[in-house]
C-alpha atoms as a PDB file:
ATOM      1  CA  UNK A   1     108.708  63.008 133.268  1.00  0.00           C
ATOM      2  CA  UNK A   2     106.047  64.659 131.307  1.00  0.00           C
ATOM      3  CA  UNK A   3     104.604  67.943 132.498  1.00  0.00           C
ATOM      4  CA  UNK A   4     100.890  68.509 132.595  1.00  0.00           C
ATOM      5  CA  UNK A   5     101.123  71.844 130.844  1.00  0.00           C
ATOM      6  CA  UNK A   6     100.866  71.950 127.069  1.00  0.00           C
ATOM      7  CA  UNK A   7      99.852  75.577 126.706  1.00  0.00           C
ATOM      8  CA  UNK A   8     100.683  78.407 129.098  1.00  0.00           C
ATOM      9  CA  UNK A   9      99.727  82.045 128.800  1.00  0.00           C
ATOM     10  CA  UNK A  10      99.998  85.108 130.947  1.00  0.00           C
ATOM     11  CA  UNK A  11      97.115  87.630 131.109  1.00  0.00           C
ATOM     12  CA  UNK A  12      98.642  89.892 133.755  1.00  0.00           C
ATOM     13  CA  UNK A  13     100.004  93.203 132.458  1.00  0.00           C
ATOM     14  CA  UNK A  14     102.073  94.141 135.517  1.00  0.00           C
ATOM     15  CA  UNK A  15     105.495  92.949 136.647  1.00  0.00           C
ATOM     16  CA  UNK A  16     104.464  92.285 140.220  1.00  0.00           C
ATOM     17  CA  UNK A  17     103.176  88.926 141.467  1.00  0.00           C
ATOM     18  CA  UNK A  18      99.385  88.893 141.100  1.00  0.00           C
ATOM     19  CA  UNK A  19      98.325  85.290 141.450  1.00  0.00           C
ATOM     20  CA  UNK A  20      99.400  81.714 141.971  1.00  0.00           C
ATOM     21  CA  UNK A  21      98.789  78.355 140.463  1.00  0.00           C
ATOM     22  CA  UNK A  22      96.207  76.019 141.956  1.00  0.00           C
ATOM     23  CA  UNK A  23      98.003  74.250 144.838  1.00  0.00           C
ATOM     24  CA  UNK A  24      96.751  70.910 143.596  1.00  0.00           C
ATOM     25  CA  UNK A  25      99.730  69.310 141.771  1.00  0.00           C
ATOM     26  CA  UNK A  26      99.758  67.760 138.290  1.00  0.00           C
ATOM     27  CA  UNK A  27     100.265  64.129 137.422  1.00  0.00           C
ATOM     28  CA  UNK A  28     103.842  63.205 136.582  1.00  0.00           C
ATOM     29  CA  UNK A  29     105.617  60.054 135.435  1.00  0.00           C
ATOM     30  CA  UNK A  30     109.411  59.737 135.883  1.00  0.00           C
ATOM     31  CA  UNK A  31     111.407  59.619 132.677  1.00  0.00           C
ATOM     32  CA  UNK A  32     115.062  60.104 131.814  1.00  0.00           C
ATOM     33  CA  UNK A  33     114.441  60.654 128.117  1.00  0.00           C
ATOM     34  CA  UNK A  34     113.039  63.532 126.115  1.00  0.00           C
ATOM     35  CA  UNK A  35     113.204  65.231 122.712  1.00  0.00           C
ATOM     36  CA  UNK A  36     116.241  67.246 121.640  1.00  0.00           C
ATOM     37  CA  UNK A  37     116.206  71.016 121.313  1.00  0.00           C
ATOM     38  CA  UNK A  38     114.139  72.018 118.317  1.00  0.00           C
ATOM     39  CA  UNK A  39     111.593  69.208 118.702  1.00  0.00           C
ATOM     40  CA  UNK A  40     108.176  69.965 120.156  1.00  0.00           C
ATOM     41  CA  UNK A  41     107.824  69.349 123.863  1.00  0.00           C
ATOM     42  CA  UNK A  42     105.051  70.410 126.232  1.00  0.00           C
ATOM     43  CA  UNK A  43     105.231  73.929 127.618  1.00  0.00           C
ATOM     44  CA  UNK A  44     107.068  74.095 130.949  1.00  0.00           C
ATOM     45  CA  UNK A  45     108.943  70.866 130.149  1.00  0.00           C
ATOM     46  CA  UNK A  46     112.668  70.485 129.647  1.00  0.00           C
ATOM     47  CA  UNK A  47     115.125  67.839 128.541  1.00  0.00           C
ATOM     48  CA  UNK A  48     118.078  66.264 130.329  1.00  0.00           C
ATOM     49  CA  UNK A  49     120.522  65.184 127.622  1.00  0.00           C
ATOM     50  CA  UNK A  50     124.067  63.890 127.426  1.00  0.00           C
ATOM     51  CA  UNK A  51     126.555  66.706 126.931  1.00  0.00           C
ATOM     52  CA  UNK A  52     129.848  64.967 126.247  1.00  0.00           C
ATOM     53  CA  UNK A  53     131.246  67.969 124.406  1.00  0.00           C
ATOM     54  CA  UNK A  54     130.727  70.467 127.242  1.00  0.00           C
ATOM     55  CA  UNK A  55     132.948  70.767 130.310  1.00  0.00           C
ATOM     56  CA  UNK A  56     131.150  72.663 133.086  1.00  0.00           C
ATOM     57  CA  UNK A  57     133.207  74.889 135.335  1.00  0.00           C
ATOM     58  CA  UNK A  58     133.210  72.667 138.491  1.00  0.00           C
ATOM     59  CA  UNK A  59     135.916  69.999 138.812  1.00  0.00           C
ATOM     60  CA  UNK A  60     135.620  66.450 137.530  1.00  0.00           C
ATOM     61  CA  UNK A  61     135.606  65.225 141.108  1.00  0.00           C
ATOM     62  CA  UNK A  62     132.579  67.402 141.844  1.00  0.00           C
ATOM     63  CA  UNK A  63     130.876  66.104 138.703  1.00  0.00           C
ATOM     64  CA  UNK A  64     131.388  62.492 139.787  1.00  0.00           C
ATOM     65  CA  UNK A  65     129.985  63.274 143.220  1.00  0.00           C
ATOM     66  CA  UNK A  66     126.938  64.982 141.677  1.00  0.00           C
ATOM     67  CA  UNK A  67     126.221  61.993 139.437  1.00  0.00           C
ATOM     68  CA  UNK A  68     126.488  59.616 142.416  1.00  0.00           C
ATOM     69  CA  UNK A  69     124.150  61.795 144.475  1.00  0.00           C
ATOM     70  CA  UNK A  70     121.651  61.987 141.600  1.00  0.00           C
ATOM     71  CA  UNK A  71     121.518  58.202 141.362  1.00  0.00           C
ATOM     72  CA  UNK A  72     120.932  57.880 145.098  1.00  0.00           C
ATOM     73  CA  UNK A  73     118.124  60.459 145.136  1.00  0.00           C
ATOM     74  CA  UNK A  74     116.186  59.431 141.999  1.00  0.00           C
ATOM     75  CA  UNK A  75     114.141  56.822 143.845  1.00  0.00           C
ATOM     76  CA  UNK A  76     113.377  59.300 146.632  1.00  0.00           C
ATOM     77  CA  UNK A  77     112.153  61.815 144.073  1.00  0.00           C
ATOM     78  CA  UNK A  78     109.890  59.243 142.460  1.00  0.00           C
ATOM     79  CA  UNK A  79     108.280  58.555 145.829  1.00  0.00           C
ATOM     80  CA  UNK A  80     107.737  62.285 146.430  1.00  0.00           C
ATOM     81  CA  UNK A  81     106.242  62.871 142.995  1.00  0.00           C
ATOM     82  CA  UNK A  82     104.051  59.762 143.226  1.00  0.00           C
ATOM     83  CA  UNK A  83     102.357  61.134 146.324  1.00  0.00           C
ATOM     84  CA  UNK A  84     101.005  64.065 144.269  1.00  0.00           C
ATOM     85  CA  UNK A  85      99.874  62.198 141.175  1.00  0.00           C
ATOM     86  CA  UNK A  86      96.134  62.134 141.851  1.00  0.00           C
ATOM     87  CA  UNK A  87      95.089  65.651 140.775  1.00  0.00           C
ATOM     88  CA  UNK A  88      96.267  68.168 138.198  1.00  0.00           C
ATOM     89  CA  UNK A  89      96.397  71.944 138.420  1.00  0.00           C
ATOM     90  CA  UNK A  90      94.680  73.920 135.641  1.00  0.00           C
ATOM     91  CA  UNK A  91      96.717  76.010 133.180  1.00  0.00           C
ATOM     92  CA  UNK A  92      97.081  79.752 133.628  1.00  0.00           C
ATOM     93  CA  UNK A  93      94.337  81.742 131.888  1.00  0.00           C
ATOM     94  CA  UNK A  94      95.083  82.415 128.226  1.00  0.00           C
ATOM     95  CA  UNK A  95      95.218  85.753 126.453  1.00  0.00           C
ATOM     96  CA  UNK A  96      94.128  86.505 122.908  1.00  0.00           C
ATOM     97  CA  UNK A  97      95.997  84.700 120.137  1.00  0.00           C
ATOM     98  CA  UNK A  98      96.729  88.092 118.629  1.00  0.00           C
ATOM     99  CA  UNK A  99      98.592  89.134 121.761  1.00  0.00           C
ATOM    100  CA  UNK A 100      97.728  91.667 124.455  1.00  0.00           C
ATOM    101  CA  UNK A 101      97.514  95.430 123.989  1.00  0.00           C
ATOM    102  CA  UNK A 102     100.960  96.974 123.976  1.00  0.00           C
ATOM    103  CA  UNK A 103     102.628  93.895 122.516  1.00  0.00           C
ATOM    104  CA  UNK A 104     106.197  94.272 121.249  1.00  0.00           C
ATOM    105  CA  UNK A 105     106.546  94.635 117.505  1.00  0.00           C
ATOM    106  CA  UNK A 106     109.903  92.833 117.388  1.00  0.00           C
ATOM    107  CA  UNK A 107     110.544  89.180 118.292  1.00  0.00           C
ATOM    108  CA  UNK A 108     112.482  88.089 121.369  1.00  0.00           C
ATOM    109  CA  UNK A 109     116.136  89.085 121.072  1.00  0.00           C
ATOM    110  CA  UNK A 110     119.432  89.442 123.006  1.00  0.00           C
ATOM    111  CA  UNK A 111     119.097  91.422 126.214  1.00  0.00           C
ATOM    112  CA  UNK A 112     115.299  91.276 126.263  1.00  0.00           C
ATOM    113  CA  UNK A 113     115.296  88.917 129.266  1.00  0.00           C
ATOM    114  CA  UNK A 114     117.549  88.809 132.329  1.00  0.00           C
ATOM    115  CA  UNK A 115     117.992  86.192 135.062  1.00  0.00           C
ATOM    116  CA  UNK A 116     117.782  88.212 138.285  1.00  0.00           C
ATOM    117  CA  UNK A 117     117.113  85.791 141.155  1.00  0.00           C
ATOM    118  CA  UNK A 118     118.333  82.291 142.060  1.00  0.00           C
ATOM    119  CA  UNK A 119     117.041  79.860 144.674  1.00  0.00           C
ATOM    120  CA  UNK A 120     120.092  77.576 144.725  1.00  0.00           C
ATOM    121  CA  UNK A 121     119.672  75.974 148.150  1.00  0.00           C
ATOM    122  CA  UNK A 122     116.072  75.526 149.288  1.00  0.00           C
ATOM    123  CA  UNK A 123     117.179  72.608 151.508  1.00  0.00           C
ATOM    124  CA  UNK A 124     120.604  71.592 152.786  1.00  0.00           C
ATOM    125  CA  UNK A 125     122.521  68.934 150.875  1.00  0.00           C
ATOM    126  CA  UNK A 126     121.307  66.848 147.956  1.00  0.00           C
ATOM    127  CA  UNK A 127     117.746  65.969 146.983  1.00  0.00           C
ATOM    128  CA  UNK A 128     116.741  69.611 146.482  1.00  0.00           C
ATOM    129  CA  UNK A 129     113.550  69.915 144.414  1.00  0.00           C
ATOM    130  CA  UNK A 130     112.641  73.436 145.527  1.00  0.00           C
ATOM    131  CA  UNK A 131     115.201  75.322 143.403  1.00  0.00           C
ATOM    132  CA  UNK A 132     114.147  78.016 140.924  1.00  0.00           C
ATOM    133  CA  UNK A 133     115.327  80.939 138.837  1.00  0.00           C
ATOM    134  CA  UNK A 134     113.448  84.166 138.121  1.00  0.00           C
ATOM    135  CA  UNK A 135     113.602  85.722 134.652  1.00  0.00           C
ATOM    136  CA  UNK A 136     112.600  89.366 134.123  1.00  0.00           C
ATOM    137  CA  UNK A 137     111.706  91.176 130.924  1.00  0.00           C
ATOM    138  CA  UNK A 138     113.796  94.268 130.217  1.00  0.00           C
ATOM    139  CA  UNK A 139     111.169  95.593 127.791  1.00  0.00           C
ATOM    140  CA  UNK A 140     108.445  98.208 128.164  1.00  0.00           C
ATOM    141  CA  UNK A 141     106.110  96.180 125.947  1.00  0.00           C
ATOM    142  CA  UNK A 142     104.578  92.718 126.304  1.00  0.00           C
ATOM    143  CA  UNK A 143     106.846  90.089 124.730  1.00  0.00           C
ATOM    144  CA  UNK A 144     106.003  86.598 123.500  1.00  0.00           C
ATOM    145  CA  UNK A 145     108.700  84.166 124.679  1.00  0.00           C
ATOM    146  CA  UNK A 146     107.545  81.320 122.452  1.00  0.00           C
ATOM    147  CA  UNK A 147     110.672  79.577 121.154  1.00  0.00           C
ATOM    148  CA  UNK A 148     112.717  80.277 124.270  1.00  0.00           C
ATOM    149  CA  UNK A 149     115.144  77.495 125.180  1.00  0.00           C
ATOM    150  CA  UNK A 150     116.881  77.198 128.554  1.00  0.00           C
ATOM    151  CA  UNK A 151     119.930  75.182 129.592  1.00  0.00           C
ATOM    152  CA  UNK A 152     121.752  74.562 132.860  1.00  0.00           C
ATOM    153  CA  UNK A 153     124.848  72.349 132.958  1.00  0.00           C
ATOM    154  CA  UNK A 154     124.852  69.749 135.702  1.00  0.00           C
ATOM    155  CA  UNK A 155     127.824  67.426 135.778  1.00  0.00           C
ATOM    156  CA  UNK A 156     128.002  65.542 132.470  1.00  0.00           C
ATOM    157  CA  UNK A 157     124.395  66.411 131.611  1.00  0.00           C
ATOM    158  CA  UNK A 158     122.360  69.500 130.750  1.00  0.00           C
ATOM    159  CA  UNK A 159     118.911  70.290 132.127  1.00  0.00           C
ATOM    160  CA  UNK A 160     116.706  72.124 129.623  1.00  0.00           C
ATOM    161  CA  UNK A 161     113.268  73.597 129.049  1.00  0.00           C
ATOM    162  CA  UNK A 162     111.540  74.784 125.860  1.00  0.00           C
ATOM    163  CA  UNK A 163     108.581  77.149 125.434  1.00  0.00           C
ATOM    164  CA  UNK A 164     106.640  75.790 122.459  1.00  0.00           C
ATOM    165  CA  UNK A 165     103.417  77.841 122.676  1.00  0.00           C
ATOM    166  CA  UNK A 166     102.563  81.521 123.049  1.00  0.00           C
ATOM    167  CA  UNK A 167     103.611  82.857 126.450  1.00  0.00           C
ATOM    168  CA  UNK A 168     103.204  86.603 126.883  1.00  0.00           C
ATOM    169  CA  UNK A 169     105.303  88.370 129.506  1.00  0.00           C
ATOM    170  CA  UNK A 170     103.958  91.823 130.454  1.00  0.00           C
ATOM    171  CA  UNK A 171     106.173  94.934 130.374  1.00  0.00           C
ATOM    172  CA  UNK A 172     108.994  94.449 132.893  1.00  0.00           C
ATOM    173  CA  UNK A 173     107.190  91.268 133.963  1.00  0.00           C
ATOM    174  CA  UNK A 174     108.662  87.983 135.177  1.00  0.00           C
ATOM    175  CA  UNK A 175     108.326  84.224 135.122  1.00  0.00           C
ATOM    176  CA  UNK A 176     109.970  81.483 137.168  1.00  0.00           C
ATOM    177  CA  UNK A 177     111.639  78.244 136.040  1.00  0.00           C
ATOM    178  CA  UNK A 178     111.617  75.676 138.846  1.00  0.00           C
ATOM    179  CA  UNK A 179     112.819  72.127 139.435  1.00  0.00           C
ATOM    180  CA  UNK A 180     109.133  71.204 139.763  1.00  0.00           C
ATOM    181  CA  UNK A 181     105.846  72.925 138.942  1.00  0.00           C
ATOM    182  CA  UNK A 182     104.075  70.964 141.700  1.00  0.00           C
ATOM    183  CA  UNK A 183     103.006  73.534 144.273  1.00  0.00           C
ATOM    184  CA  UNK A 184     103.503  71.260 147.262  1.00  0.00           C
ATOM    185  CA  UNK A 185     107.100  70.582 146.156  1.00  0.00           C
ATOM    186  CA  UNK A 186     108.160  74.080 145.015  1.00  0.00           C
ATOM    187  CA  UNK A 187     106.665  75.668 148.161  1.00  0.00           C
ATOM    188  CA  UNK A 188     103.742  77.274 146.369  1.00  0.00           C
ATOM    189  CA  UNK A 189     105.608  79.596 144.049  1.00  0.00           C
ATOM    190  CA  UNK A 190     103.252  82.381 142.911  1.00  0.00           C
ATOM    191  CA  UNK A 191     102.622  83.563 139.372  1.00  0.00           C
ATOM    192  CA  UNK A 192     103.827  81.921 136.176  1.00  0.00           C
ATOM    193  CA  UNK A 193     105.950  78.825 136.820  1.00  0.00           C
ATOM    194  CA  UNK A 194     107.674  76.670 134.206  1.00  0.00           C
ATOM    195  CA  UNK A 195     109.658  73.530 135.041  1.00  0.00           C
ATOM    196  CA  UNK A 196     112.850  71.956 133.772  1.00  0.00           C
ATOM    197  CA  UNK A 197     112.120  68.802 131.811  1.00  0.00           C
ATOM    198  CA  UNK A 198     111.979  65.724 133.997  1.00  0.00           C
ATOM    199  CA  UNK A 199     111.449  67.521 137.336  1.00  0.00           C
ATOM    200  CA  UNK A 200     114.712  65.876 138.463  1.00  0.00           C
ATOM    201  CA  UNK A 201     115.745  68.192 141.287  1.00  0.00           C
ATOM    202  CA  UNK A 202     119.236  69.538 142.040  1.00  0.00           C
ATOM    203  CA  UNK A 203     119.314  71.358 138.690  1.00  0.00           C
ATOM    204  CA  UNK A 204     121.235  74.320 140.119  1.00  0.00           C
ATOM    205  CA  UNK A 205     124.659  73.186 141.319  1.00  0.00           C
ATOM    206  CA  UNK A 206     125.529  74.583 144.715  1.00  0.00           C
ATOM    207  CA  UNK A 207     129.185  74.905 143.667  1.00  0.00           C
ATOM    208  CA  UNK A 208     128.435  77.001 140.591  1.00  0.00           C
ATOM    209  CA  UNK A 209     127.073  76.549 137.072  1.00  0.00           C
ATOM    210  CA  UNK A 210     126.001  78.373 133.903  1.00  0.00           C
ATOM    211  CA  UNK A 211     122.389  79.103 132.937  1.00  0.00           C
ATOM    212  CA  UNK A 212     121.682  80.119 129.338  1.00  0.00           C
ATOM    213  CA  UNK A 213     118.490  81.373 127.693  1.00  0.00           C
ATOM    214  CA  UNK A 214     118.418  81.323 123.904  1.00  0.00           C
ATOM    215  CA  UNK A 215     116.370  81.051 120.738  1.00  0.00           C
ATOM    216  CA  UNK A 216     117.339  79.454 117.442  1.00  0.00           C
ATOM    217  CA  UNK A 217     118.765  82.792 116.360  1.00  0.00           C
ATOM    218  CA  UNK A 218     120.585  84.170 119.385  1.00  0.00           C
ATOM    219  CA  UNK A 219     121.595  83.944 123.028  1.00  0.00           C
ATOM    220  CA  UNK A 220     119.078  86.002 125.008  1.00  0.00           C
ATOM    221  CA  UNK A 221     120.841  85.913 128.386  1.00  0.00           C
ATOM    222  CA  UNK A 222     123.477  83.871 130.194  1.00  0.00           C
ATOM    223  CA  UNK A 223     124.614  83.841 133.814  1.00  0.00           C
ATOM    224  CA  UNK A 224     127.584  81.946 135.261  1.00  0.00           C
ATOM    225  CA  UNK A 225     127.476  81.930 139.042  1.00  0.00           C
ATOM    226  CA  UNK A 226     130.435  80.781 141.156  1.00  0.00           C
ATOM    227  CA  UNK A 227     130.411  78.991 144.498  1.00  0.00           C
ATOM    228  CA  UNK A 228     128.665  81.523 146.720  1.00  0.00           C
ATOM    229  CA  UNK A 229     127.832  82.027 150.384  1.00  0.00           C
ATOM    230  CA  UNK A 230     124.307  80.619 150.570  1.00  0.00           C
ATOM    231  CA  UNK A 231     121.661  80.439 153.284  1.00  0.00           C
ATOM    232  CA  UNK A 232     119.287  77.479 153.311  1.00  0.00           C
ATOM    233  CA  UNK A 233     115.833  78.585 152.192  1.00  0.00           C
ATOM    234  CA  UNK A 234     116.900  82.038 150.935  1.00  0.00           C
ATOM    235  CA  UNK A 235     117.219  83.094 147.317  1.00  0.00           C
ATOM    236  CA  UNK A 236     120.080  85.162 145.953  1.00  0.00           C
ATOM    237  CA  UNK A 237     118.682  88.308 144.322  1.00  0.00           C
ATOM    238  CA  UNK A 238     120.037  91.063 142.110  1.00  0.00           C
ATOM    239  CA  UNK A 239     118.549  94.259 143.618  1.00  0.00           C
ATOM    240  CA  UNK A 240     116.000  96.108 141.488  1.00  0.00           C
ATOM    241  CA  UNK A 241     117.815  99.424 142.039  1.00  0.00           C
ATOM    242  CA  UNK A 242     121.171  98.152 140.697  1.00  0.00           C
ATOM    243  CA  UNK A 243     122.449  98.936 137.216  1.00  0.00           C
ATOM    244  CA  UNK A 244     121.488  95.912 135.079  1.00  0.00           C
ATOM    245  CA  UNK A 245     124.930  96.053 133.473  1.00  0.00           C
ATOM    246  CA  UNK A 246     126.527  95.086 136.820  1.00  0.00           C
ATOM    247  CA  UNK A 247     124.850  91.666 137.146  1.00  0.00           C
ATOM    248  CA  UNK A 248     128.208  89.953 136.632  1.00  0.00           C
ATOM    249  CA  UNK A 249     129.427  91.549 139.881  1.00  0.00           C
ATOM    250  CA  UNK A 250     128.386  88.880 142.378  1.00  0.00           C
ATOM    251  CA  UNK A 251     129.189  91.209 145.260  1.00  0.00           C
ATOM    252  CA  UNK A 252     125.974  93.061 144.374  1.00  0.00           C
ATOM    253  CA  UNK A 253     123.748  89.998 144.620  1.00  0.00           C
ATOM    254  CA  UNK A 254     122.258  89.608 148.080  1.00  0.00           C
ATOM    255  CA  UNK A 255     120.307  87.076 150.118  1.00  0.00           C
ATOM    256  CA  UNK A 256     116.596  87.892 150.025  1.00  0.00           C
ATOM    257  CA  UNK A 257     114.878  88.990 153.207  1.00  0.00           C
ATOM    258  CA  UNK A 258     111.204  88.996 152.144  1.00  0.00           C
ATOM    259  CA  UNK A 259     109.228  85.761 152.503  1.00  0.00           C
ATOM    260  CA  UNK A 260     106.663  84.424 150.058  1.00  0.00           C
ATOM    261  CA  UNK A 261     106.076  81.182 152.015  1.00  0.00           C
ATOM    262  CA  UNK A 262     106.749  80.274 155.667  1.00  0.00           C
ATOM    263  CA  UNK A 263     110.379  79.288 156.140  1.00  0.00           C
ATOM    264  CA  UNK A 264     111.543  80.586 152.745  1.00  0.00           C
ATOM    265  CA  UNK A 265     112.868  83.986 151.690  1.00  0.00           C
ATOM    266  CA  UNK A 266     112.684  85.373 148.164  1.00  0.00           C
ATOM    267  CA  UNK A 267     110.543  87.432 145.828  1.00  0.00           C
ATOM    268  CA  UNK A 268     109.549  85.018 143.021  1.00  0.00           C
ATOM    269  CA  UNK A 269     107.555  86.840 140.338  1.00  0.00           C
ATOM    270  CA  UNK A 270     107.887  90.119 142.242  1.00  0.00           C
ATOM    271  CA  UNK A 271     110.434  92.991 142.179  1.00  0.00           C
ATOM    272  CA  UNK A 272     113.643  92.468 144.145  1.00  0.00           C
ATOM    273  CA  UNK A 273     112.989  95.497 146.333  1.00  0.00           C
ATOM    274  CA  UNK A 274     113.666  93.710 149.638  1.00  0.00           C
ATOM    275  CA  UNK A 275     117.403  94.197 148.979  1.00  0.00           C
ATOM    276  CA  UNK A 276     119.288  97.357 148.028  1.00  0.00           C
ATOM    277  CA  UNK A 277     122.196  97.906 145.675  1.00  0.00           C
ATOM    278  CA  UNK A 278     125.633  98.195 147.264  1.00  0.00           C
END
């Protein structure tokens, strides 16, 4: 599929959620192909590519089951997406090309971003298009994440996204990467929302996977989550008051209690203050 966004900027200079995309969804056309990492792709798009040389942590039996499920749900996804193809949401308001006041002097580097919230199971079973991850800036200045590349292993394939235009994240601010940037499908996620290339759904494996954020020069952040106790419709959040160095301790991650949309719990593009460190 091809996302409607080609340029995406953030003008908000606060980490909390301050707005949402127009609920009218963009046009989308299903596609299984896309450019490789390093080639230009539209902002908020990502690529699903063969990954024969990578063996994700789940078992081969799980991989085979995932591939079978994906084949069965592709046609269902196409029908869902087709029902929202008539109108397109406008892009987020742009900031100055020179960058906002208080912009970082150094380019994006290791440790500057951290994955701190995961919506792994928005619905029970397969055919889940409401998954998302939240990424937070660890910097006290506004950072341009142009050039950021994301990957998430899924069976024998890898879901990806690439940021190919200026995208300024305010100090300690956040953005979300979702299975779909269509508001009616992602349950009206607020704030800045990017999408994995292809809008395929089921990007986040419910039995565990690895998510990696990188640039051409370095790995910015990586998270490997195991099979976890999940609750349908609730995100798994790393509390804002926990030491960032303890993110690998999955006993500290907790199910969100705040709700941003009826029937769903989580704090997308807002601080994870609904849970406390333990």
